[in-house]
Amino acid sequence: MTIKYENTFDDIIVFNKFHYENSPSVKRSTYLLQLFLPVSYFVIWLVDGLLDKFSFKYLIIFFIISILWVFFIPILNKWYHIRNSIKMYSEGDNKIFIGQRILTISPNGIIVKSDNGESKINWNLVNKIVESNDHLYIYVSSVSAYIIPKKIFKDEIDQNNFMKTLKEFHSHS
């Protein structure tokens, strides 16, 4: 089964955003970052209280800052990641990621051809196959994937047939 599609700069950024939102390590680091400031403030408040006297004025300030921190740090962290992705991909020539692709899947693996070359991946090297609202991702490492825009399929039946074939070949590897 062969499909023809094009990856744009926006597809690459959307993939990075999707990966960021679904990465267990990113979720874990964001959670730890959310906890760091509130726990630090609380420890400082406790130590200060033990050395002098407890100031409930500082506890209230700590509580307000901590709530804001817990709610806004995931948003700021996500914004920062997306902004950095855009900057990095804008720095140079990214022909390897952007442009026309011809992707062929067979029981032997995946072949992707572009104006810049050709790659072949055996099914045992495919980590996972994931679907988002607008794309299919064939992960070939923990952080990189073939990005297939869903808009290339003529209808949902065509898309479902492709996904079914993909998963079937992958499961037999």
C-alpha atoms as a PDB file:
ATOM      1  CA  MET A   1       0.000   0.000   0.000  1.00  0.00           C
ATOM      2  CA  THR A   2       1.453   3.352  -1.051  1.00  0.00           C
ATOM      3  CA  ILE A   3       0.456   6.879  -0.091  1.00  0.00           C
ATOM      4  CA  LYS A   4       1.748  10.252  -1.235  1.00  0.00           C
ATOM      5  CA  TYR A   5       1.767  13.230   1.089  1.00  0.00           C
ATOM      6  CA  GLU A   6       3.633  16.384   2.030  1.00  0.00           C
ATOM      7  CA  ASN A   7       5.037  17.423   5.398  1.00  0.00           C
ATOM      8  CA  THR A   8       5.056  21.140   6.093  1.00  0.00           C
ATOM      9  CA  PHE A   9       6.726  23.192   8.797  1.00  0.00           C
ATOM     10  CA  ASP A  10       3.368  23.268  10.610  1.00  0.00           C
ATOM     11  CA  ASP A  11       3.150  19.445  10.569  1.00  0.00           C
ATOM     12  CA  ILE A  12       6.537  19.251  12.292  1.00  0.00           C
ATOM     13  CA  ILE A  13       5.493  21.755  14.973  1.00  0.00           C
ATOM     14  CA  VAL A  14       2.157  19.965  15.508  1.00  0.00           C
ATOM     15  CA  PHE A  15       4.054  16.689  15.972  1.00  0.00           C
ATOM     16  CA  ASN A  16       6.378  18.271  18.519  1.00  0.00           C
ATOM     17  CA  LYS A  17       3.386  19.691  20.385  1.00  0.00           C
ATOM     18  CA  PHE A  18       1.619  16.301  20.312  1.00  0.00           C
ATOM     19  CA  HIS A  19       4.726  14.487  21.502  1.00  0.00           C
ATOM     20  CA  TYR A  20       5.293  17.032  24.261  1.00  0.00           C
ATOM     21  CA  GLU A  21       1.713  16.677  25.507  1.00  0.00           C
ATOM     22  CA  ASN A  22       1.887  12.872  25.529  1.00  0.00           C
ATOM     23  CA  SER A  23       5.433  12.192  26.729  1.00  0.00           C
ATOM     24  CA  PRO A  24       5.605  10.481  30.151  1.00  0.00           C
ATOM     25  CA  SER A  25       8.969  12.097  30.929  1.00  0.00           C
ATOM     26  CA  VAL A  26       7.646  15.576  30.112  1.00  0.00           C
ATOM     27  CA  LYS A  27       4.572  14.962  32.264  1.00  0.00           C
ATOM     28  CA  ARG A  28       6.803  13.812  35.124  1.00  0.00           C
ATOM     29  CA  SER A  29       9.164  16.799  34.885  1.00  0.00           C
ATOM     30  CA  THR A  30       6.232  19.244  34.694  1.00  0.00           C
ATOM     31  CA  TYR A  31       4.701  17.633  37.775  1.00  0.00           C
ATOM     32  CA  LEU A  32       7.993  17.933  39.671  1.00  0.00           C
ATOM     33  CA  LEU A  33       8.321  21.550  38.572  1.00  0.00           C
ATOM     34  CA  GLN A  34       4.785  22.214  39.808  1.00  0.00           C
ATOM     35  CA  LEU A  35       5.705  20.812  43.234  1.00  0.00           C
ATOM     36  CA  PHE A  36       9.124  22.456  43.606  1.00  0.00           C
ATOM     37  CA  LEU A  37       8.089  26.035  44.409  1.00  0.00           C
ATOM     38  CA  PRO A  38       5.180  25.232  46.770  1.00  0.00           C
ATOM     39  CA  VAL A  39       7.214  22.680  48.709  1.00  0.00           C
ATOM     40  CA  SER A  40      10.201  25.046  48.884  1.00  0.00           C
ATOM     41  CA  TYR A  41       8.061  27.909  50.166  1.00  0.00           C
ATOM     42  CA  PHE A  42       6.396  25.682  52.712  1.00  0.00           C
ATOM     43  CA  VAL A  43       9.749  24.414  54.027  1.00  0.00           C
ATOM     44  CA  ILE A  44      11.035  27.997  54.286  1.00  0.00           C
ATOM     45  CA  TRP A  45       7.858  29.012  56.140  1.00  0.00           C
ATOM     46  CA  LEU A  46       8.245  26.063  58.535  1.00  0.00           C
ATOM     47  CA  VAL A  47      11.931  26.749  59.231  1.00  0.00           C
ATOM     48  CA  ASP A  48      11.235  30.459  59.702  1.00  0.00           C
ATOM     49  CA  GLY A  49       8.382  29.597  62.073  1.00  0.00           C
ATOM     50  CA  LEU A  50      10.527  27.226  64.097  1.00  0.00           C
ATOM     51  CA  LEU A  51      13.330  29.795  64.365  1.00  0.00           C
ATOM     52  CA  ASP A  52      11.133  32.784  65.135  1.00  0.00           C
ATOM     53  CA  LYS A  53       7.352  32.548  65.094  1.00  0.00           C
ATOM     54  CA  PHE A  54       4.841  31.401  62.511  1.00  0.00           C
ATOM     55  CA  SER A  55       3.598  34.227  60.325  1.00  0.00           C
ATOM     56  CA  PHE A  56       0.230  33.423  58.857  1.00  0.00           C
ATOM     57  CA  LYS A  57       0.538  36.440  56.587  1.00  0.00           C
ATOM     58  CA  TYR A  58       3.398  34.628  54.806  1.00  0.00           C
ATOM     59  CA  LEU A  59       1.418  31.400  54.760  1.00  0.00           C
ATOM     60  CA  ILE A  60      -1.418  33.140  52.908  1.00  0.00           C
ATOM     61  CA  ILE A  61       1.022  34.715  50.430  1.00  0.00           C
ATOM     62  CA  PHE A  62       2.685  31.312  49.974  1.00  0.00           C
ATOM     63  CA  PHE A  63      -0.691  29.680  49.405  1.00  0.00           C
ATOM     64  CA  ILE A  64      -1.748  32.208  46.721  1.00  0.00           C
ATOM     65  CA  ILE A  65       1.594  32.022  44.890  1.00  0.00           C
ATOM     66  CA  SER A  66       1.551  28.216  45.056  1.00  0.00           C
ATOM     67  CA  ILE A  67      -1.933  27.964  43.576  1.00  0.00           C
ATOM     68  CA  LEU A  68      -0.986  30.293  40.731  1.00  0.00           C
ATOM     69  CA  TRP A  69       2.246  28.358  40.191  1.00  0.00           C
ATOM     70  CA  VAL A  70       0.521  24.961  40.073  1.00  0.00           C
ATOM     71  CA  PHE A  71      -2.024  26.153  37.514  1.00  0.00           C
ATOM     72  CA  PHE A  72       0.194  28.281  35.302  1.00  0.00           C
ATOM     73  CA  ILE A  73       3.469  26.330  35.151  1.00  0.00           C
ATOM     74  CA  PRO A  74       2.070  23.647  32.766  1.00  0.00           C
ATOM     75  CA  ILE A  75       0.788  26.380  30.438  1.00  0.00           C
ATOM     76  CA  LEU A  76       4.056  28.303  30.541  1.00  0.00           C
ATOM     77  CA  ASN A  77       6.097  25.130  30.140  1.00  0.00           C
ATOM     78  CA  LYS A  78       4.077  24.079  27.074  1.00  0.00           C
ATOM     79  CA  TRP A  79       4.355  27.568  25.545  1.00  0.00           C
ATOM     80  CA  TYR A  80       8.111  27.572  26.151  1.00  0.00           C
ATOM     81  CA  HIS A  81       8.541  24.152  24.491  1.00  0.00           C
ATOM     82  CA  ILE A  82       6.517  25.083  21.406  1.00  0.00           C
ATOM     83  CA  ARG A  83       8.334  28.407  21.069  1.00  0.00           C
ATOM     84  CA  ASN A  84      11.706  26.634  21.275  1.00  0.00           C
ATOM     85  CA  SER A  85      10.627  24.020  18.717  1.00  0.00           C
ATOM     86  CA  ILE A  86       9.657  26.764  16.287  1.00  0.00           C
ATOM     87  CA  LYS A  87      12.984  28.525  16.854  1.00  0.00           C
ATOM     88  CA  MET A  88      15.041  25.345  16.384  1.00  0.00           C
ATOM     89  CA  TYR A  89      13.285  24.275  13.185  1.00  0.00           C
ATOM     90  CA  SER A  90      13.556  27.845  11.849  1.00  0.00           C
ATOM     91  CA  GLU A  91      17.333  27.959  12.310  1.00  0.00           C
ATOM     92  CA  GLY A  92      18.359  26.091   9.222  1.00  0.00           C
ATOM     93  CA  ASP A  93      17.458  23.983   6.260  1.00  0.00           C
ATOM     94  CA  ASN A  94      15.149  21.120   7.245  1.00  0.00           C
ATOM     95  CA  LYS A  95      14.637  19.410   3.893  1.00  0.00           C
ATOM     96  CA  ILE A  96      14.834  16.029   5.571  1.00  0.00           C
ATOM     97  CA  PHE A  97      11.631  16.780   7.521  1.00  0.00           C
ATOM     98  CA  ILE A  98       9.713  18.949   5.052  1.00  0.00           C
ATOM     99  CA  GLY A  99       8.479  18.187   1.551  1.00  0.00           C
ATOM    100  CA  GLN A 100       6.818  15.542  -0.585  1.00  0.00           C
ATOM    101  CA  ARG A 101       6.877  11.906   0.586  1.00  0.00           C
ATOM    102  CA  ILE A 102       5.920   8.585  -0.900  1.00  0.00           C
ATOM    103  CA  LEU A 103       5.380   6.043   1.878  1.00  0.00           C
ATOM    104  CA  THR A 104       4.975   2.376   1.062  1.00  0.00           C
ATOM    105  CA  ILE A 105       4.004  -0.218   3.649  1.00  0.00           C
ATOM    106  CA  SER A 106       4.410  -3.925   3.059  1.00  0.00           C
ATOM    107  CA  PRO A 107       4.835  -7.016   5.241  1.00  0.00           C
ATOM    108  CA  ASN A 108       8.607  -6.392   5.056  1.00  0.00           C
ATOM    109  CA  GLY A 109       8.536  -2.839   6.435  1.00  0.00           C
ATOM    110  CA  ILE A 110       8.148   0.794   5.530  1.00  0.00           C
ATOM    111  CA  ILE A 111       9.873   2.578   2.662  1.00  0.00           C
ATOM    112  CA  VAL A 112       9.771   6.366   2.523  1.00  0.00           C
ATOM    113  CA  LYS A 113      11.012   8.197  -0.563  1.00  0.00           C
ATOM    114  CA  SER A 114      11.494  11.925  -0.938  1.00  0.00           C
ATOM    115  CA  ASP A 115      13.476  14.255  -3.189  1.00  0.00           C
ATOM    116  CA  ASN A 116      16.281  13.999  -0.623  1.00  0.00           C
ATOM    117  CA  GLY A 117      16.608  10.245  -0.372  1.00  0.00           C
ATOM    118  CA  GLU A 118      15.022   7.026   0.687  1.00  0.00           C
ATOM    119  CA  SER A 119      14.746   5.161   3.969  1.00  0.00           C
ATOM    120  CA  LYS A 120      13.620   1.668   4.828  1.00  0.00           C
ATOM    121  CA  ILE A 121      12.483   0.631   8.287  1.00  0.00           C
ATOM    122  CA  ASN A 122      11.725  -2.931   9.310  1.00  0.00           C
ATOM    123  CA  TRP A 123       8.563  -3.393  11.373  1.00  0.00           C
ATOM    124  CA  ASN A 124      10.504  -4.492  14.436  1.00  0.00           C
ATOM    125  CA  LEU A 125      12.013  -0.963  14.569  1.00  0.00           C
ATOM    126  CA  VAL A 126       8.606   0.728  14.692  1.00  0.00           C
ATOM    127  CA  ASN A 127       7.980   1.649  18.337  1.00  0.00           C
ATOM    128  CA  LYS A 128       4.320   2.526  18.054  1.00  0.00           C
ATOM    129  CA  ILE A 129       1.616   3.846  15.779  1.00  0.00           C
ATOM    130  CA  VAL A 130      -0.413   6.743  17.178  1.00  0.00           C
ATOM    131  CA  GLU A 131      -3.336   8.745  15.853  1.00  0.00           C
ATOM    132  CA  SER A 132      -4.173  12.362  16.681  1.00  0.00           C
ATOM    133  CA  ASN A 133      -7.025  14.501  15.390  1.00  0.00           C
ATOM    134  CA  ASP A 134      -5.207  15.521  12.206  1.00  0.00           C
ATOM    135  CA  HIS A 135      -2.239  13.151  11.837  1.00  0.00           C
ATOM    136  CA  LEU A 136      -1.007   9.585  12.019  1.00  0.00           C
ATOM    137  CA  TYR A 137       2.392   9.093  13.645  1.00  0.00           C
ATOM    138  CA  ILE A 138       4.589   6.079  13.013  1.00  0.00           C
ATOM    139  CA  TYR A 139       7.188   6.323  15.767  1.00  0.00           C
ATOM    140  CA  VAL A 140      10.569   4.991  14.669  1.00  0.00           C
ATOM    141  CA  SER A 141      12.274   6.137  17.880  1.00  0.00           C
ATOM    142  CA  SER A 142      11.098   7.519  21.187  1.00  0.00           C
ATOM    143  CA  VAL A 143      11.135  11.088  19.815  1.00  0.00           C
ATOM    144  CA  SER A 144      10.774  10.855  16.030  1.00  0.00           C
ATOM    145  CA  ALA A 145       8.065   9.622  13.736  1.00  0.00           C
ATOM    146  CA  TYR A 146       6.827   9.576  10.190  1.00  0.00           C
ATOM    147  CA  ILE A 147       4.133  12.258  10.193  1.00  0.00           C
ATOM    148  CA  ILE A 148       1.185  11.524   7.930  1.00  0.00           C
ATOM    149  CA  PRO A 149      -1.492  14.226   7.588  1.00  0.00           C
ATOM    150  CA  LYS A 150      -4.980  12.694   7.624  1.00  0.00           C
ATOM    151  CA  LYS A 151      -6.163  15.169   4.984  1.00  0.00           C
ATOM    152  CA  ILE A 152      -4.440  13.058   2.299  1.00  0.00           C
ATOM    153  CA  PHE A 153      -7.048  10.313   2.613  1.00  0.00           C
ATOM    154  CA  LYS A 154     -10.102  10.660   0.395  1.00  0.00           C
ATOM    155  CA  ASP A 155     -12.425   9.628   3.237  1.00  0.00           C
ATOM    156  CA  GLU A 156     -12.535   8.026   6.674  1.00  0.00           C
ATOM    157  CA  ILE A 157     -12.863   4.522   5.195  1.00  0.00           C
ATOM    158  CA  ASP A 158      -9.635   4.990   3.250  1.00  0.00           C
ATOM    159  CA  GLN A 159      -7.902   6.262   6.385  1.00  0.00           C
ATOM    160  CA  ASN A 160      -9.223   3.370   8.511  1.00  0.00           C
ATOM    161  CA  ASN A 161      -8.064   0.831   5.927  1.00  0.00           C
ATOM    162  CA  PHE A 162      -4.590   2.334   5.972  1.00  0.00           C
ATOM    163  CA  MET A 163      -4.472   2.285   9.793  1.00  0.00           C
ATOM    164  CA  LYS A 164      -5.747  -1.290   9.887  1.00  0.00           C
ATOM    165  CA  THR A 165      -3.073  -2.421   7.429  1.00  0.00           C
ATOM    166  CA  LEU A 166      -0.386  -0.508   9.339  1.00  0.00           C
ATOM    167  CA  LYS A 167      -1.334  -2.092  12.655  1.00  0.00           C
ATOM    168  CA  GLU A 168      -1.668  -5.527  11.085  1.00  0.00           C
ATOM    169  CA  PHE A 169       1.846  -5.419   9.583  1.00  0.00           C
ATOM    170  CA  HIS A 170       3.255  -3.995  12.812  1.00  0.00           C
ATOM    171  CA  SER A 171       1.639  -6.647  14.996  1.00  0.00           C
ATOM    172  CA  HIS A 172       3.158  -9.470  12.897  1.00  0.00           C
ATOM    173  CA  SER A 173       6.702  -8.197  13.357  1.00  0.00           C
END
